[in-house]
Amino acid sequence: MMPFLSSVAVAIALCLALIVPSAAAQVLPERDACQPTTSAKSRDGNCVPCATGPISTRPSFLALVERVRARRASFDDIDRRIDDASGDPEVTRLLQGRNLARALYGSDADFIAGGNASRCLLQDNEAVRAKATPIPCDQIPREGLAVLLTAGQSNFSNTGAPDQGRLYRPHNVFYNFDRFDGQCYIARNPLLGTAGEGENVAAQLGDELMDRGLVKNLVIAPVAISGTYLEEWRARGGKYFEVLLATIAALRDAKLEPSAVLWHQGEFNAFAFSTNGAEDGTILHVTTQMKEAGRLSYLRNYLEIIAGLRAADVTGPVFVATATLCGSVPDEIIRSAQGAVPNPALGAYAGPDTDKIGLALRYDGCHMRHAGTDIHARMWADRLADYWRSHSK
């Protein structure tokens, strides 16, 4: 895989410099239809009344969308290289359009692969925000400041179990950027910008980083959305990439720039392979070709997310967790794809392997007990510490 990844890295570096005037690729397509529910119903709690058009009218966001669209050639190049990566005609067929999604995701295939998730955007948690302590973003000290954008699915949202009924309370002062209102607050559980009423691993991570002296000041900008497939985050076809761009634009309006992107996702993509079933209950016969197409498709999705971040001029490292465990056993197909993403030429690095946090430390077989969240936070702190030490010069 390494020669292939190296060639992708070169291609992305070259293509990001291109400005292509014609609309050759469907990057961040406009929302022109409404389909806010799924057959499986598992994500319906994320859905709000349907709306079309961009998710934000903030001028900086609209400008950022156009900047990414103008660099669309990088996404086309990744698609071509992934489509040509296998000599098996069936794998090639599955990688075209929505064929793989329809083979793996049952009745929700078009919802997941077709960008319809853009109608499922949670509102801000007004009750939590009402109790939060605001601080003007421009008053946050810039000395030794790190700004961490945390993305993915539920294990990076507020799903951690409290400790004996009490949510973890940071003992250091650091900050939470709320993507919904573009304002800064003193960080405390549950964090603003993502859903849930429980603990967020980033709250423990903040204390870990400050206790170790790795940062002097810290801003956490959460964007994770529970129950999402990686397809839903790609700039080409998915629509949650808009959430990333809206958050980046709002951070920049506040004179804050992401220092690093931390991504924890994989449990939903692993579901079909680890259970031989779709989320809607469809029983699957998962073939060798479906596994290989799934691995390549997942790799493509991550490469497109990274290319999209670079097109948006995010220069910080992107850390990709190895994460597939949810209710059964780790899945080697998605783990293999996650392991193939890190590449210094892309500024992509391995995050923690959270499949090592076993079922005994997960209250429902998927989400972390308090002790599991503590381990999760230390794992991320270790990865960041290693990276910052090796890049200190």
Protein backbone atom coordinates (compact mmCIF):
# COMPACT_ATOMS: atom_id res chain seq x y z
CA MET A 1 0.00 0.00 0.00
CA MET A 2 2.84 2.45 0.65
CA PRO A 3 3.71 3.19 -3.03
CA PHE A 4 0.03 3.84 -3.71
CA LEU A 5 -0.27 6.15 -0.72
CA SER A 6 2.87 8.01 -1.71
CA SER A 7 1.51 8.61 -5.19
CA VAL A 8 -1.75 9.87 -3.70
CA ALA A 9 0.23 12.23 -1.47
CA VAL A 10 2.10 13.66 -4.45
CA ALA A 11 -1.10 13.99 -6.44
CA ILE A 12 -2.86 15.84 -3.62
CA ALA A 13 0.07 18.21 -3.14
CA LEU A 14 0.07 19.04 -6.83
CA CYS A 15 -3.67 19.28 -7.25
CA LEU A 16 -4.30 21.53 -4.30
CA ALA A 17 -2.41 24.23 -6.17
CA LEU A 18 -4.81 24.06 -9.10
CA ILE A 19 -7.69 26.43 -9.68
CA VAL A 20 -10.13 24.69 -12.02
CA PRO A 21 -12.84 26.94 -13.49
CA SER A 22 -15.28 24.31 -14.77
CA ALA A 23 -17.71 22.44 -12.51
CA ALA A 24 -16.24 19.03 -13.26
CA ALA A 25 -16.88 17.52 -9.82
CA GLN A 26 -19.75 17.58 -7.41
CA VAL A 27 -17.93 19.00 -4.41
CA LEU A 28 -20.21 20.20 -1.62
CA PRO A 29 -23.38 20.02 -3.77
CA GLU A 30 -26.22 22.31 -2.80
CA ARG A 31 -29.05 20.74 -0.80
CA ASP A 32 -31.94 20.70 -3.22
CA ALA A 33 -34.17 18.02 -1.66
CA CYS A 34 -35.31 16.99 1.80
CA GLN A 35 -35.11 13.47 3.17
CA PRO A 36 -34.65 13.82 6.91
CA THR A 37 -35.51 10.31 8.14
CA THR A 38 -34.01 6.86 7.76
CA SER A 39 -35.47 3.38 7.68
CA ALA A 40 -33.29 2.24 10.56
CA LYS A 41 -34.42 5.24 12.68
CA SER A 42 -31.15 5.16 14.58
CA ARG A 43 -30.16 8.65 13.50
CA ASP A 44 -33.59 10.26 13.52
CA GLY A 45 -32.76 11.91 16.82
CA ASN A 46 -30.17 13.94 14.91
CA CYS A 47 -32.71 15.28 12.45
CA VAL A 48 -34.28 18.70 12.54
CA PRO A 49 -36.94 20.26 10.30
CA CYS A 50 -35.81 20.04 6.73
CA ALA A 51 -34.05 22.90 4.96
CA THR A 52 -32.19 23.28 1.70
CA GLY A 53 -29.24 25.44 0.78
CA PRO A 54 -26.02 26.04 2.73
CA ILE A 55 -26.00 25.40 6.48
CA SER A 56 -24.62 28.89 7.16
CA THR A 57 -24.85 32.31 5.56
CA ARG A 58 -21.66 33.50 7.26
CA PRO A 59 -19.62 35.21 4.48
CA SER A 60 -16.40 33.54 5.63
CA PHE A 61 -18.08 30.13 5.37
CA LEU A 62 -19.44 30.77 1.88
CA ALA A 63 -16.01 31.95 0.77
CA LEU A 64 -14.41 28.82 2.24
CA VAL A 65 -16.88 26.58 0.39
CA GLU A 66 -15.94 28.24 -2.89
CA ARG A 67 -12.24 27.88 -2.07
CA VAL A 68 -12.68 24.12 -1.64
CA ARG A 69 -14.78 23.83 -4.79
CA ALA A 70 -12.10 25.68 -6.76
CA ARG A 71 -9.62 22.96 -5.81
CA ARG A 72 -11.87 20.10 -6.84
CA ALA A 73 -9.23 18.41 -9.00
CA SER A 74 -7.68 16.77 -5.93
CA PHE A 75 -10.93 14.91 -5.21
CA ASP A 76 -11.20 13.71 -8.81
CA ASP A 77 -7.64 12.42 -8.64
CA ILE A 78 -8.28 10.46 -5.44
CA ASP A 79 -11.40 8.92 -6.97
CA ARG A 80 -9.47 7.81 -10.05
CA ARG A 81 -6.67 6.27 -8.04
CA ILE A 82 -8.96 4.38 -5.69
CA ASP A 83 -11.15 3.17 -8.56
CA ASP A 84 -8.04 1.81 -10.30
CA ALA A 85 -6.50 0.25 -7.17
CA SER A 86 -7.96 -3.22 -7.69
CA GLY A 87 -7.78 -5.51 -10.69
CA ASP A 88 -10.95 -7.35 -9.63
CA PRO A 89 -13.87 -6.24 -11.85
CA GLU A 90 -16.39 -6.77 -9.05
CA VAL A 91 -14.39 -4.58 -6.65
CA THR A 92 -14.19 -1.92 -9.36
CA ARG A 93 -17.94 -2.14 -9.91
CA LEU A 94 -18.69 -1.82 -6.19
CA LEU A 95 -16.52 1.29 -5.97
CA GLN A 96 -18.60 3.07 -8.60
CA GLY A 97 -21.37 5.43 -7.50
CA ARG A 98 -23.50 4.04 -4.65
CA ASN A 99 -23.06 0.35 -5.47
CA LEU A 100 -21.07 -0.43 -2.32
CA ALA A 101 -23.46 1.52 -0.10
CA ARG A 102 -26.39 -0.42 -1.53
CA ALA A 103 -24.56 -3.68 -0.88
CA LEU A 104 -23.73 -2.83 2.75
CA TYR A 105 -26.30 -0.39 4.13
CA GLY A 106 -29.68 -1.85 3.21
CA SER A 107 -32.56 0.58 2.79
CA ASP A 108 -30.49 3.49 4.14
CA ALA A 109 -27.86 3.28 1.39
CA ASP A 110 -29.00 6.32 -0.56
CA PHE A 111 -29.52 8.32 2.62
CA ILE A 112 -25.95 7.61 3.77
CA ALA A 113 -24.18 7.89 0.42
CA GLY A 114 -26.34 10.58 -1.15
CA GLY A 115 -25.71 13.53 1.13
CA ASN A 116 -29.16 13.41 2.72
CA ALA A 117 -27.54 13.51 6.14
CA SER A 118 -27.27 17.25 5.66
CA ARG A 119 -30.88 17.44 6.83
CA CYS A 120 -29.86 15.89 10.16
CA LEU A 121 -28.04 18.69 11.92
CA LEU A 122 -28.51 18.98 15.65
CA GLN A 123 -29.41 22.28 17.24
CA ASP A 124 -27.22 23.73 19.95
CA ASN A 125 -27.83 22.58 23.53
CA GLU A 126 -29.41 25.77 24.83
CA ALA A 127 -29.79 24.44 28.38
CA VAL A 128 -26.06 23.66 28.61
CA ARG A 129 -25.08 26.96 27.01
CA ALA A 130 -27.25 28.87 29.47
CA LYS A 131 -25.15 27.44 32.32
CA ALA A 132 -21.80 27.93 30.58
CA THR A 133 -19.36 30.69 31.44
CA PRO A 134 -18.64 32.81 28.35
CA ILE A 135 -15.32 34.44 27.65
CA PRO A 136 -14.62 36.68 24.64
CA CYS A 137 -12.50 34.66 22.24
CA ASP A 138 -10.09 37.57 21.82
CA GLN A 139 -9.36 37.46 25.56
CA ILE A 140 -7.99 33.91 25.40
CA PRO A 141 -4.19 34.15 25.80
CA ARG A 142 -2.35 33.19 22.61
CA GLU A 143 0.86 32.16 24.35
CA GLY A 144 1.35 28.40 23.98
CA LEU A 145 -2.14 28.10 22.52
CA ALA A 146 -3.40 24.90 20.87
CA VAL A 147 -6.76 24.76 19.07
CA LEU A 148 -8.03 21.21 18.68
CA LEU A 149 -10.85 20.40 16.27
CA THR A 150 -12.38 17.09 17.41
CA ALA A 151 -14.48 15.23 14.85
CA GLY A 152 -16.06 11.89 14.06
CA GLN A 153 -18.89 10.06 15.75
CA SER A 154 -20.25 9.41 19.21
CA ASN A 155 -17.08 8.50 21.11
CA PHE A 156 -15.92 12.07 20.42
CA SER A 157 -19.24 13.58 21.49
CA ASN A 158 -20.78 13.82 24.97
CA THR A 159 -21.51 10.11 25.44
CA GLY A 160 -19.14 9.15 28.24
CA ALA A 161 -20.68 7.84 31.45
CA PRO A 162 -20.24 10.03 34.55
CA ASP A 163 -18.18 8.93 37.51
CA GLN A 164 -20.61 7.81 40.23
CA GLY A 165 -23.25 10.07 38.72
CA ARG A 166 -21.00 13.12 38.51
CA LEU A 167 -19.64 14.51 35.28
CA TYR A 168 -15.90 15.03 35.11
CA ARG A 169 -15.03 18.65 35.91
CA PRO A 170 -11.70 19.96 34.54
CA HIS A 171 -9.33 21.29 37.18
CA ASN A 172 -7.48 23.47 34.67
CA VAL A 173 -8.96 26.45 32.89
CA PHE A 174 -9.20 25.96 29.15
CA TYR A 175 -11.82 26.80 26.58
CA ASN A 176 -14.66 25.38 24.51
CA PHE A 177 -15.47 26.94 21.13
CA ASP A 178 -19.17 26.53 20.30
CA ARG A 179 -19.55 26.14 16.54
CA PHE A 180 -23.22 27.05 16.72
CA ASP A 181 -22.81 30.61 17.97
CA GLY A 182 -19.11 31.17 17.23
CA GLN A 183 -18.41 32.06 20.86
CA CYS A 184 -15.95 30.80 23.47
CA TYR A 185 -16.73 29.41 26.93
CA ILE A 186 -14.88 27.90 29.87
CA ALA A 187 -14.71 24.19 29.05
CA ARG A 188 -16.81 21.86 31.15
CA ASN A 189 -18.89 18.75 30.55
CA PRO A 190 -20.96 18.37 28.48
CA LEU A 191 -19.08 20.35 25.85
CA LEU A 192 -20.86 22.72 23.49
CA GLY A 193 -20.75 22.04 19.76
CA THR A 194 -21.65 18.37 19.93
CA ALA A 195 -24.56 16.35 21.29
CA GLY A 196 -25.19 14.38 24.46
CA GLU A 197 -25.42 15.02 28.18
CA GLY A 198 -22.47 12.92 29.33
CA GLU A 199 -18.71 13.25 29.50
CA ASN A 200 -16.61 14.27 26.52
CA VAL A 201 -13.13 12.77 26.29
CA ALA A 202 -11.79 16.17 25.20
CA ALA A 203 -12.53 17.55 28.67
CA GLN A 204 -10.22 14.97 30.23
CA LEU A 205 -7.76 15.43 27.37
CA GLY A 206 -7.52 19.14 28.12
CA ASP A 207 -6.45 18.43 31.68
CA GLU A 208 -3.96 15.80 30.49
CA LEU A 209 -2.32 18.24 28.08
CA MET A 210 -2.10 21.03 30.63
CA ASP A 211 -0.99 18.78 33.50
CA ARG A 212 1.86 17.50 31.32
CA GLY A 213 2.87 21.03 30.35
CA LEU A 214 2.27 20.31 26.67
CA VAL A 215 0.15 23.44 26.21
CA LYS A 216 -0.24 26.68 28.14
CA ASN A 217 -3.62 27.53 26.70
CA LEU A 218 -6.14 25.36 24.92
CA VAL A 219 -9.33 25.66 22.87
CA ILE A 220 -11.46 22.61 22.08
CA ALA A 221 -13.81 22.89 19.08
CA PRO A 222 -16.02 19.77 18.98
CA VAL A 223 -17.91 18.86 15.79
CA ALA A 224 -18.54 15.10 16.22
CA ILE A 225 -21.98 13.79 15.22
CA SER A 226 -23.16 10.47 16.65
CA GLY A 227 -23.98 7.54 14.42
CA THR A 228 -22.30 8.86 11.30
CA TYR A 229 -20.60 6.94 8.54
CA LEU A 230 -17.38 8.31 7.08
CA GLU A 231 -19.14 8.72 3.71
CA GLU A 232 -21.28 11.42 5.31
CA TRP A 233 -18.20 13.54 6.05
CA ARG A 234 -16.53 13.51 2.62
CA ALA A 235 -16.42 16.75 0.69
CA ARG A 236 -17.50 14.94 -2.48
CA GLY A 237 -20.94 13.45 -1.95
CA GLY A 238 -21.25 13.67 1.84
CA LYS A 239 -22.60 16.79 3.48
CA TYR A 240 -21.25 16.90 7.03
CA PHE A 241 -18.06 18.35 5.58
CA GLU A 242 -20.04 21.59 5.61
CA VAL A 243 -20.00 21.37 9.41
CA LEU A 244 -16.20 21.25 9.35
CA LEU A 245 -15.99 24.25 7.02
CA ALA A 246 -18.53 26.25 9.03
CA THR A 247 -16.55 25.59 12.21
CA ILE A 248 -13.22 26.48 10.60
CA ALA A 249 -14.70 29.70 9.22
CA ALA A 250 -16.14 30.64 12.61
CA LEU A 251 -12.83 29.90 14.33
CA ARG A 252 -11.01 32.15 11.88
CA ASP A 253 -13.54 34.90 12.43
CA ALA A 254 -12.57 34.62 16.10
CA LYS A 255 -8.85 34.81 15.14
CA LEU A 256 -8.34 31.15 16.05
CA GLU A 257 -6.75 28.57 13.75
CA PRO A 258 -6.94 24.77 14.21
CA SER A 259 -3.60 23.45 15.46
CA ALA A 260 -4.66 19.86 14.87
CA VAL A 261 -7.67 17.80 13.83
CA LEU A 262 -8.45 14.75 15.95
CA TRP A 263 -10.74 12.21 14.26
CA HIS A 264 -12.41 9.24 15.96
CA GLN A 265 -14.76 7.31 13.68
CA GLY A 266 -15.20 3.80 12.38
CA GLU A 267 -17.72 1.95 14.52
CA PHE A 268 -20.62 2.45 12.11
CA ASN A 269 -18.59 1.61 9.01
CA ALA A 270 -17.43 -1.58 10.74
CA PHE A 271 -21.00 -2.66 11.54
CA ALA A 272 -21.70 -4.48 8.27
CA PHE A 273 -18.43 -6.40 8.40
CA SER A 274 -18.50 -7.29 12.09
CA THR A 275 -22.18 -8.36 12.14
CA ASN A 276 -22.90 -9.42 8.53
CA GLY A 277 -25.91 -7.15 8.74
CA ALA A 278 -27.09 -3.69 7.81
CA GLU A 279 -28.33 -1.17 10.34
CA ASP A 280 -31.93 -1.64 9.18
CA GLY A 281 -31.79 -5.39 9.93
CA THR A 282 -30.94 -6.61 6.44
CA ILE A 283 -28.90 -9.82 6.58
CA LEU A 284 -25.81 -9.56 4.38
CA HIS A 285 -23.60 -12.06 2.63
CA VAL A 286 -20.33 -10.17 2.82
CA THR A 287 -18.01 -11.34 0.06
CA THR A 288 -14.26 -10.97 -0.28
CA GLN A 289 -14.88 -8.34 -2.96
CA MET A 290 -17.20 -6.38 -0.66
CA LYS A 291 -14.50 -6.38 2.03
CA GLU A 292 -11.83 -5.11 -0.35
CA ALA A 293 -14.15 -2.48 -1.81
CA GLY A 294 -15.09 -1.44 1.73
CA ARG A 295 -11.44 -1.05 2.68
CA LEU A 296 -10.63 1.02 -0.41
CA SER A 297 -13.78 3.12 -0.09
CA TYR A 298 -13.03 3.94 3.55
CA LEU A 299 -9.47 4.90 2.62
CA ARG A 300 -10.81 7.12 -0.17
CA ASN A 301 -13.20 8.85 2.23
CA TYR A 302 -10.42 9.73 4.65
CA LEU A 303 -8.12 10.91 1.87
CA GLU A 304 -10.89 13.16 0.57
CA ILE A 305 -11.55 14.59 4.02
CA ILE A 306 -7.85 15.37 4.43
CA ALA A 307 -7.68 16.83 0.91
CA GLY A 308 -10.72 18.96 1.72
CA LEU A 309 -9.11 20.27 4.90
CA ARG A 310 -5.96 21.15 2.96
CA ALA A 311 -8.07 22.84 0.29
CA ALA A 312 -9.52 24.91 3.13
CA ASP A 313 -5.94 25.84 4.07
CA VAL A 314 -5.92 23.87 7.32
CA THR A 315 -2.21 23.11 7.74
CA GLY A 316 -2.20 21.37 11.12
CA PRO A 317 -1.77 17.60 11.47
CA VAL A 318 -4.76 15.29 11.15
CA PHE A 319 -4.79 12.37 13.60
CA VAL A 320 -6.80 9.29 12.64
CA ALA A 321 -7.83 6.95 15.45
CA THR A 322 -8.13 3.21 14.96
CA ALA A 323 -11.69 2.64 16.15
CA THR A 324 -14.16 -0.10 15.23
CA LEU A 325 -15.29 -1.70 18.51
CA CYS A 326 -19.00 -1.32 19.21
CA GLY A 327 -20.97 -4.20 20.62
CA SER A 328 -19.02 -7.14 19.26
CA VAL A 329 -15.38 -7.46 18.23
CA PRO A 330 -12.96 -5.16 16.41
CA ASP A 331 -13.28 -5.28 12.63
CA GLU A 332 -10.09 -5.91 10.69
CA ILE A 333 -11.37 -4.49 7.39
CA ILE A 334 -11.91 -0.96 8.69
CA ARG A 335 -8.89 -1.22 10.99
CA SER A 336 -6.75 -2.01 7.95
CA ALA A 337 -8.10 1.05 6.12
CA GLN A 338 -7.52 3.29 9.13
CA GLY A 339 -3.98 2.02 9.42
CA ALA A 340 -3.31 2.91 5.77
CA VAL A 341 -4.30 6.58 6.14
CA PRO A 342 -1.36 7.99 8.13
CA ASN A 343 1.22 9.53 5.81
CA PRO A 344 3.53 12.41 6.79
CA ALA A 345 3.36 13.74 3.21
CA LEU A 346 -0.33 14.41 3.84
CA GLY A 347 0.21 15.66 7.38
CA ALA A 348 -1.81 12.62 8.52
CA TYR A 349 -0.76 10.64 11.58
CA ALA A 350 -2.00 7.71 13.60
CA GLY A 351 -4.25 8.50 16.52
CA PRO A 352 -4.78 6.04 19.36
CA ASP A 353 -6.01 2.48 18.88
CA THR A 354 -9.13 2.72 21.04
CA ASP A 355 -10.19 -0.83 20.19
CA LYS A 356 -7.75 -1.67 22.99
CA ILE A 357 -10.24 -0.15 25.44
CA GLY A 358 -12.18 -3.34 26.02
CA LEU A 359 -15.88 -4.01 26.48
CA ALA A 360 -15.54 -4.02 30.28
CA LEU A 361 -14.76 -0.30 30.09
CA ARG A 362 -17.80 0.46 27.87
CA TYR A 363 -21.17 0.73 29.56
CA ASP A 364 -23.12 -0.42 26.51
CA GLY A 365 -20.44 -2.29 24.62
CA CYS A 366 -19.63 0.83 22.62
CA HIS A 367 -19.44 4.06 24.67
CA MET A 368 -17.00 4.63 27.48
CA ARG A 369 -17.43 4.30 31.19
CA HIS A 370 -15.63 7.02 33.14
CA ALA A 371 -12.53 4.82 33.48
CA GLY A 372 -12.58 4.14 29.75
CA THR A 373 -12.77 7.86 29.01
CA ASP A 374 -9.74 8.44 31.25
CA ILE A 375 -7.74 5.89 29.24
CA HIS A 376 -9.03 7.36 25.98
CA ALA A 377 -7.86 10.85 27.01
CA ARG A 378 -4.41 9.60 27.99
CA MET A 379 -4.09 7.80 24.65
CA TRP A 380 -4.76 11.04 22.74
CA ALA A 381 -2.39 12.99 24.99
CA ASP A 382 0.36 10.43 24.32
CA ARG A 383 -0.09 10.78 20.55
CA LEU A 384 -0.06 14.56 20.66
CA ALA A 385 2.95 14.57 22.98
CA ASP A 386 4.90 12.32 20.61
CA TYR A 387 4.02 14.49 17.62
CA TRP A 388 4.85 17.81 19.31
CA ARG A 389 8.16 16.45 20.63
CA SER A 390 9.23 15.16 17.22
CA HIS A 391 8.18 18.40 15.48
CA SER A 392 9.37 20.83 18.14
CA LYS A 393 12.07 22.26 15.90
